[in-house]
Amino acid sequence: MSTSMAIAVYFTMWWIVLFAILPWGVRSQHESGDWQQGTDPGAPIAPKLAVKALATTVVSAILFAAFWAYLEYAP
């Protein structure tokens, strides 16, 4: 696999994994009872995007390593 193809595959995996991880641990204003006037009650209180981006990077790296190993060593 060429470097540009590897980057494209990793980038695609990263976005797919991000959308799978985004809902983890999200609490809405309505669920917590801390609803502010003028905001949507379904808006998240603390989405923790930095933590989710890091988790996405780690999970994507593991999945990409498995995918690369399969392509490299599969008969």
C-alpha atoms as a PDB file:
ATOM      1  CA  MET A   1       0.000   0.000   0.000  1.00  0.00           C
ATOM      2  CA  SER A   2       1.414   3.373  -0.958  1.00  0.00           C
ATOM      3  CA  THR A   3       1.810   6.175   1.574  1.00  0.00           C
ATOM      4  CA  SER A   4      -0.909   8.304   0.024  1.00  0.00           C
ATOM      5  CA  MET A   5      -3.322   5.360   0.023  1.00  0.00           C
ATOM      6  CA  ALA A   6      -2.469   4.594   3.660  1.00  0.00           C
ATOM      7  CA  ILE A   7      -3.173   8.210   4.651  1.00  0.00           C
ATOM      8  CA  ALA A   8      -6.485   8.161   2.781  1.00  0.00           C
ATOM      9  CA  VAL A   9      -7.547   4.890   4.414  1.00  0.00           C
ATOM     10  CA  TYR A  10      -6.540   6.114   7.891  1.00  0.00           C
ATOM     11  CA  PHE A  11      -8.363   9.427   7.352  1.00  0.00           C
ATOM     12  CA  THR A  12     -11.521   7.594   6.288  1.00  0.00           C
ATOM     13  CA  MET A  13     -11.302   5.207   9.242  1.00  0.00           C
ATOM     14  CA  TRP A  14     -10.751   8.137  11.610  1.00  0.00           C
ATOM     15  CA  TRP A  15     -13.965   9.884  10.507  1.00  0.00           C
ATOM     16  CA  ILE A  16     -16.038   6.704  10.677  1.00  0.00           C
ATOM     17  CA  VAL A  17     -14.735   5.930  14.164  1.00  0.00           C
ATOM     18  CA  LEU A  18     -15.313   9.555  15.242  1.00  0.00           C
ATOM     19  CA  PHE A  19     -18.998   9.327  14.348  1.00  0.00           C
ATOM     20  CA  ALA A  20     -19.221   6.063  16.297  1.00  0.00           C
ATOM     21  CA  ILE A  21     -17.538   7.567  19.388  1.00  0.00           C
ATOM     22  CA  LEU A  22     -19.257  10.981  19.464  1.00  0.00           C
ATOM     23  CA  PRO A  23     -22.423   9.813  21.276  1.00  0.00           C
ATOM     24  CA  TRP A  24     -20.520   8.140  24.134  1.00  0.00           C
ATOM     25  CA  GLY A  25     -21.220   9.783  27.477  1.00  0.00           C
ATOM     26  CA  VAL A  26     -23.193  12.741  26.125  1.00  0.00           C
ATOM     27  CA  ARG A  27     -25.778  14.182  28.491  1.00  0.00           C
ATOM     28  CA  SER A  28     -28.261  16.741  27.280  1.00  0.00           C
ATOM     29  CA  GLN A  29     -29.433  19.802  29.194  1.00  0.00           C
ATOM     30  CA  HIS A  30     -32.839  18.180  29.521  1.00  0.00           C
ATOM     31  CA  GLU A  31     -31.397  15.007  31.091  1.00  0.00           C
ATOM     32  CA  SER A  32     -29.328  16.908  33.629  1.00  0.00           C
ATOM     33  CA  GLY A  33     -32.030  19.419  34.535  1.00  0.00           C
ATOM     34  CA  ASP A  34     -29.696  22.354  33.787  1.00  0.00           C
ATOM     35  CA  TRP A  35     -31.658  23.925  30.938  1.00  0.00           C
ATOM     36  CA  GLN A  36     -30.759  27.504  30.013  1.00  0.00           C
ATOM     37  CA  GLN A  37     -33.226  29.837  28.337  1.00  0.00           C
ATOM     38  CA  GLY A  38     -32.717  30.308  24.615  1.00  0.00           C
ATOM     39  CA  THR A  39     -30.917  27.002  24.052  1.00  0.00           C
ATOM     40  CA  ASP A  40     -32.090  23.680  22.719  1.00  0.00           C
ATOM     41  CA  PRO A  41     -32.878  21.267  25.565  1.00  0.00           C
ATOM     42  CA  GLY A  42     -31.142  18.505  23.574  1.00  0.00           C
ATOM     43  CA  ALA A  43     -27.839  20.418  23.436  1.00  0.00           C
ATOM     44  CA  PRO A  44     -24.993  18.576  25.183  1.00  0.00           C
ATOM     45  CA  ILE A  45     -23.634  19.939  28.446  1.00  0.00           C
ATOM     46  CA  ALA A  46     -19.984  18.860  28.147  1.00  0.00           C
ATOM     47  CA  PRO A  47     -19.255  17.025  24.880  1.00  0.00           C
ATOM     48  CA  LYS A  48     -15.561  16.411  25.806  1.00  0.00           C
ATOM     49  CA  LEU A  49     -14.421  16.677  22.202  1.00  0.00           C
ATOM     50  CA  ALA A  50     -10.685  16.590  22.967  1.00  0.00           C
ATOM     51  CA  VAL A  51     -11.009  13.294  24.844  1.00  0.00           C
ATOM     52  CA  LYS A  52     -13.155  11.854  22.064  1.00  0.00           C
ATOM     53  CA  ALA A  53     -10.657  12.978  19.397  1.00  0.00           C
ATOM     54  CA  LEU A  54      -7.862  11.249  21.312  1.00  0.00           C
ATOM     55  CA  ALA A  55      -9.941   8.079  21.721  1.00  0.00           C
ATOM     56  CA  THR A  56     -10.794   8.205  18.025  1.00  0.00           C
ATOM     57  CA  THR A  57      -7.113   8.478  17.123  1.00  0.00           C
ATOM     58  CA  VAL A  58      -6.160   5.508  19.304  1.00  0.00           C
ATOM     59  CA  VAL A  59      -8.997   3.276  18.074  1.00  0.00           C
ATOM     60  CA  SER A  60      -8.343   4.251  14.449  1.00  0.00           C
ATOM     61  CA  ALA A  61      -4.633   3.497  14.820  1.00  0.00           C
ATOM     62  CA  ILE A  62      -5.424   0.027  16.170  1.00  0.00           C
ATOM     63  CA  LEU A  63      -7.920  -0.671  13.391  1.00  0.00           C
ATOM     64  CA  PHE A  64      -5.537   0.640  10.746  1.00  0.00           C
ATOM     65  CA  ALA A  65      -2.688  -1.496  12.092  1.00  0.00           C
ATOM     66  CA  ALA A  66      -4.918  -4.572  11.917  1.00  0.00           C
ATOM     67  CA  PHE A  67      -6.010  -3.657   8.378  1.00  0.00           C
ATOM     68  CA  TRP A  68      -2.428  -3.061   7.270  1.00  0.00           C
ATOM     69  CA  ALA A  69      -1.265  -6.342   8.819  1.00  0.00           C
ATOM     70  CA  TYR A  70      -4.062  -8.172   7.036  1.00  0.00           C
ATOM     71  CA  LEU A  71      -3.069  -6.668   3.687  1.00  0.00           C
ATOM     72  CA  GLU A  72       0.627  -7.286   4.288  1.00  0.00           C
ATOM     73  CA  TYR A  73       0.584 -10.820   5.699  1.00  0.00           C
ATOM     74  CA  ALA A  74      -2.621 -12.457   4.458  1.00  0.00           C
ATOM     75  CA  PRO A  75      -2.055 -15.230   1.956  1.00  0.00           C
END
